């Protein structure tokens, strides 16, 4: 996983392509966010082929950590099959999805998507 400090208050994360690396990387990201409470997070799924329930659980934990701090989580470049997994699980309205990095950064800068999902 590559974590980039896009700005003082935005972490940009590229996830690896496969499990179990995705789950362990998200767990590490959760620990990073616990230590750095003043940031929004953008996660780029461009390499991700498939996510498991463990990774979705880590994403839920991350989302809750950020929301408790008044921060946001935006997911971008989510493949159709991966997004379908979120939809089947009823989580397509829980996470904020955008098409690409540019849209993700615009959403973060403008204060988010307020629970909408693309």
C-alpha atoms as a PDB file:
ATOM      1  CA  UNK A   1       0.000   0.000   0.000  1.00  0.00           C
ATOM      2  CA  UNK A   2       1.206   3.423  -0.784  1.00  0.00           C
ATOM      3  CA  UNK A   3       0.075   6.166   1.570  1.00  0.00           C
ATOM      4  CA  UNK A   4       0.676   9.639   0.246  1.00  0.00           C
ATOM      5  CA  UNK A   5       0.165  12.799   2.212  1.00  0.00           C
ATOM      6  CA  UNK A   6      -1.777  14.708  -0.460  1.00  0.00           C
ATOM      7  CA  UNK A   7      -2.030  17.747   1.767  1.00  0.00           C
ATOM      8  CA  UNK A   8      -1.718  18.489   5.449  1.00  0.00           C
ATOM      9  CA  UNK A   9      -5.097  16.924   6.132  1.00  0.00           C
ATOM     10  CA  UNK A  10      -5.657  14.344   3.342  1.00  0.00           C
ATOM     11  CA  UNK A  11      -4.163  10.863   3.097  1.00  0.00           C
ATOM     12  CA  UNK A  12      -4.298   9.247  -0.325  1.00  0.00           C
ATOM     13  CA  UNK A  13      -4.049   5.441  -0.329  1.00  0.00           C
ATOM     14  CA  UNK A  14      -3.425   2.998  -3.196  1.00  0.00           C
ATOM     15  CA  UNK A  15      -4.520  -0.492  -2.193  1.00  0.00           C
ATOM     16  CA  UNK A  16      -2.744  -3.658  -3.375  1.00  0.00           C
ATOM     17  CA  UNK A  17      -4.517  -5.923  -5.846  1.00  0.00           C
ATOM     18  CA  UNK A  18      -5.318  -9.020  -3.786  1.00  0.00           C
ATOM     19  CA  UNK A  19      -6.308 -10.391  -0.427  1.00  0.00           C
ATOM     20  CA  UNK A  20      -4.994 -10.988   2.209  1.00  0.00           C
ATOM     21  CA  UNK A  21      -2.732  -7.984   1.597  1.00  0.00           C
ATOM     22  CA  UNK A  22      -5.725  -5.636   1.248  1.00  0.00           C
ATOM     23  CA  UNK A  23      -7.057  -6.572   4.701  1.00  0.00           C
ATOM     24  CA  UNK A  24      -3.713  -6.216   6.424  1.00  0.00           C
ATOM     25  CA  UNK A  25      -3.017  -2.912   4.665  1.00  0.00           C
ATOM     26  CA  UNK A  26      -6.410  -1.547   5.723  1.00  0.00           C
ATOM     27  CA  UNK A  27      -5.717  -2.650   9.284  1.00  0.00           C
ATOM     28  CA  UNK A  28      -2.440  -0.722   9.158  1.00  0.00           C
ATOM     29  CA  UNK A  29      -4.280   2.295   7.734  1.00  0.00           C
ATOM     30  CA  UNK A  30      -6.735   2.165  10.635  1.00  0.00           C
ATOM     31  CA  UNK A  31      -3.815   2.321  13.065  1.00  0.00           C
ATOM     32  CA  UNK A  32      -2.351   5.275  11.156  1.00  0.00           C
ATOM     33  CA  UNK A  33      -5.670   7.138  11.326  1.00  0.00           C
ATOM     34  CA  UNK A  34      -5.934   6.426  15.063  1.00  0.00           C
ATOM     35  CA  UNK A  35      -2.570   8.127  15.532  1.00  0.00           C
ATOM     36  CA  UNK A  36      -3.321  10.982  13.121  1.00  0.00           C
ATOM     37  CA  UNK A  37      -6.808  12.162  13.914  1.00  0.00           C
ATOM     38  CA  UNK A  38      -6.909  15.257  11.724  1.00  0.00           C
ATOM     39  CA  UNK A  39      -7.116  13.814   8.212  1.00  0.00           C
ATOM     40  CA  UNK A  40      -9.558  12.760   5.530  1.00  0.00           C
ATOM     41  CA  UNK A  41      -8.800   9.580   3.588  1.00  0.00           C
ATOM     42  CA  UNK A  42      -9.138   8.805  -0.110  1.00  0.00           C
ATOM     43  CA  UNK A  43      -8.691   5.150  -1.084  1.00  0.00           C
ATOM     44  CA  UNK A  44      -7.963   4.295  -4.701  1.00  0.00           C
ATOM     45  CA  UNK A  45      -9.184   0.829  -5.707  1.00  0.00           C
ATOM     46  CA  UNK A  46      -7.703   0.898  -9.221  1.00  0.00           C
ATOM     47  CA  UNK A  47      -5.640  -2.273  -8.612  1.00  0.00           C
ATOM     48  CA  UNK A  48      -8.161  -4.122  -6.445  1.00  0.00           C
ATOM     49  CA  UNK A  49      -9.672  -7.204  -8.029  1.00  0.00           C
ATOM     50  CA  UNK A  50     -11.935  -8.349  -5.201  1.00  0.00           C
ATOM     51  CA  UNK A  51     -12.543  -7.537  -1.534  1.00  0.00           C
ATOM     52  CA  UNK A  52     -13.475  -9.903   1.260  1.00  0.00           C
ATOM     53  CA  UNK A  53     -15.735  -9.392   4.234  1.00  0.00           C
ATOM     54  CA  UNK A  54     -12.644  -8.835   6.398  1.00  0.00           C
ATOM     55  CA  UNK A  55     -11.562  -5.916   4.215  1.00  0.00           C
ATOM     56  CA  UNK A  56     -15.061  -4.481   4.181  1.00  0.00           C
ATOM     57  CA  UNK A  57     -15.044  -4.741   7.966  1.00  0.00           C
ATOM     58  CA  UNK A  58     -11.765  -2.797   8.079  1.00  0.00           C
ATOM     59  CA  UNK A  59     -13.294  -0.163   5.790  1.00  0.00           C
ATOM     60  CA  UNK A  60     -16.275   0.137   8.153  1.00  0.00           C
ATOM     61  CA  UNK A  61     -13.919   0.595  11.106  1.00  0.00           C
ATOM     62  CA  UNK A  62     -11.996   3.243   9.174  1.00  0.00           C
ATOM     63  CA  UNK A  63     -15.194   5.040   8.181  1.00  0.00           C
ATOM     64  CA  UNK A  64     -16.377   5.082  11.801  1.00  0.00           C
ATOM     65  CA  UNK A  65     -13.001   6.346  13.068  1.00  0.00           C
ATOM     66  CA  UNK A  66     -13.087   9.172  10.559  1.00  0.00           C
ATOM     67  CA  UNK A  67     -16.721  10.070  11.209  1.00  0.00           C
ATOM     68  CA  UNK A  68     -16.081  10.271  14.961  1.00  0.00           C
ATOM     69  CA  UNK A  69     -13.477  12.926  14.166  1.00  0.00           C
ATOM     70  CA  UNK A  70     -15.645  14.802  11.674  1.00  0.00           C
ATOM     71  CA  UNK A  71     -13.532  13.511   8.778  1.00  0.00           C
ATOM     72  CA  UNK A  72     -14.456  11.664   5.627  1.00  0.00           C
ATOM     73  CA  UNK A  73     -13.592   8.572   3.629  1.00  0.00           C
ATOM     74  CA  UNK A  74     -13.944   8.559  -0.158  1.00  0.00           C
ATOM     75  CA  UNK A  75     -13.465   5.469  -2.349  1.00  0.00           C
ATOM     76  CA  UNK A  76     -12.494   5.897  -5.995  1.00  0.00           C
ATOM     77  CA  UNK A  77     -11.850   3.746  -9.060  1.00  0.00           C
ATOM     78  CA  UNK A  78     -13.950   0.915  -7.639  1.00  0.00           C
ATOM     79  CA  UNK A  79     -14.468  -1.805 -10.262  1.00  0.00           C
ATOM     80  CA  UNK A  80     -18.013  -2.793 -11.184  1.00  0.00           C
ATOM     81  CA  UNK A  81     -17.741  -6.253  -9.592  1.00  0.00           C
ATOM     82  CA  UNK A  82     -16.251  -4.834  -6.403  1.00  0.00           C
ATOM     83  CA  UNK A  83     -18.955  -2.173  -6.187  1.00  0.00           C
ATOM     84  CA  UNK A  84     -21.526  -4.924  -6.673  1.00  0.00           C
ATOM     85  CA  UNK A  85     -20.210  -6.599  -3.511  1.00  0.00           C
ATOM     86  CA  UNK A  86     -20.881  -3.370  -1.594  1.00  0.00           C
ATOM     87  CA  UNK A  87     -24.350  -3.155  -3.140  1.00  0.00           C
ATOM     88  CA  UNK A  88     -25.280  -6.753  -2.262  1.00  0.00           C
ATOM     89  CA  UNK A  89     -24.074  -6.149   1.302  1.00  0.00           C
ATOM     90  CA  UNK A  90     -26.251  -3.018   1.480  1.00  0.00           C
ATOM     91  CA  UNK A  91     -23.191  -0.790   1.901  1.00  0.00           C
ATOM     92  CA  UNK A  92     -23.408   1.139  -1.359  1.00  0.00           C
ATOM     93  CA  UNK A  93     -25.190   3.954   0.510  1.00  0.00           C
ATOM     94  CA  UNK A  94     -22.808   3.818   3.487  1.00  0.00           C
ATOM     95  CA  UNK A  95     -19.619   4.634   1.581  1.00  0.00           C
ATOM     96  CA  UNK A  96     -18.944   7.555  -0.721  1.00  0.00           C
ATOM     97  CA  UNK A  97     -17.931   6.343  -4.185  1.00  0.00           C
ATOM     98  CA  UNK A  98     -16.552   8.524  -6.954  1.00  0.00           C
ATOM     99  CA  UNK A  99     -15.173   7.696 -10.378  1.00  0.00           C
ATOM    100  CA  UNK A 100     -11.549   8.763 -10.104  1.00  0.00           C
ATOM    101  CA  UNK A 101      -8.837  10.493  -8.063  1.00  0.00           C
ATOM    102  CA  UNK A 102      -9.756  13.942  -9.315  1.00  0.00           C
ATOM    103  CA  UNK A 103     -13.377  13.515  -8.242  1.00  0.00           C
ATOM    104  CA  UNK A 104     -12.248  12.130  -4.882  1.00  0.00           C
ATOM    105  CA  UNK A 105     -10.008  15.084  -4.159  1.00  0.00           C
ATOM    106  CA  UNK A 106     -12.742  17.492  -5.267  1.00  0.00           C
ATOM    107  CA  UNK A 107     -15.190  15.789  -2.911  1.00  0.00           C
ATOM    108  CA  UNK A 108     -12.774  16.045   0.007  1.00  0.00           C
ATOM    109  CA  UNK A 109     -11.975  19.697  -0.682  1.00  0.00           C
ATOM    110  CA  UNK A 110     -15.645  20.609  -0.994  1.00  0.00           C
ATOM    111  CA  UNK A 111     -16.583  18.906   2.242  1.00  0.00           C
ATOM    112  CA  UNK A 112     -17.634  15.519   0.931  1.00  0.00           C
ATOM    113  CA  UNK A 113     -20.574  13.851  -0.631  1.00  0.00           C
ATOM    114  CA  UNK A 114     -22.787  13.755   2.442  1.00  0.00           C
ATOM    115  CA  UNK A 115     -23.635  10.074   2.162  1.00  0.00           C
ATOM    116  CA  UNK A 116     -24.292   9.939  -1.555  1.00  0.00           C
ATOM    117  CA  UNK A 117     -22.931   7.136  -3.645  1.00  0.00           C
ATOM    118  CA  UNK A 118     -22.253   7.088  -7.375  1.00  0.00           C
END
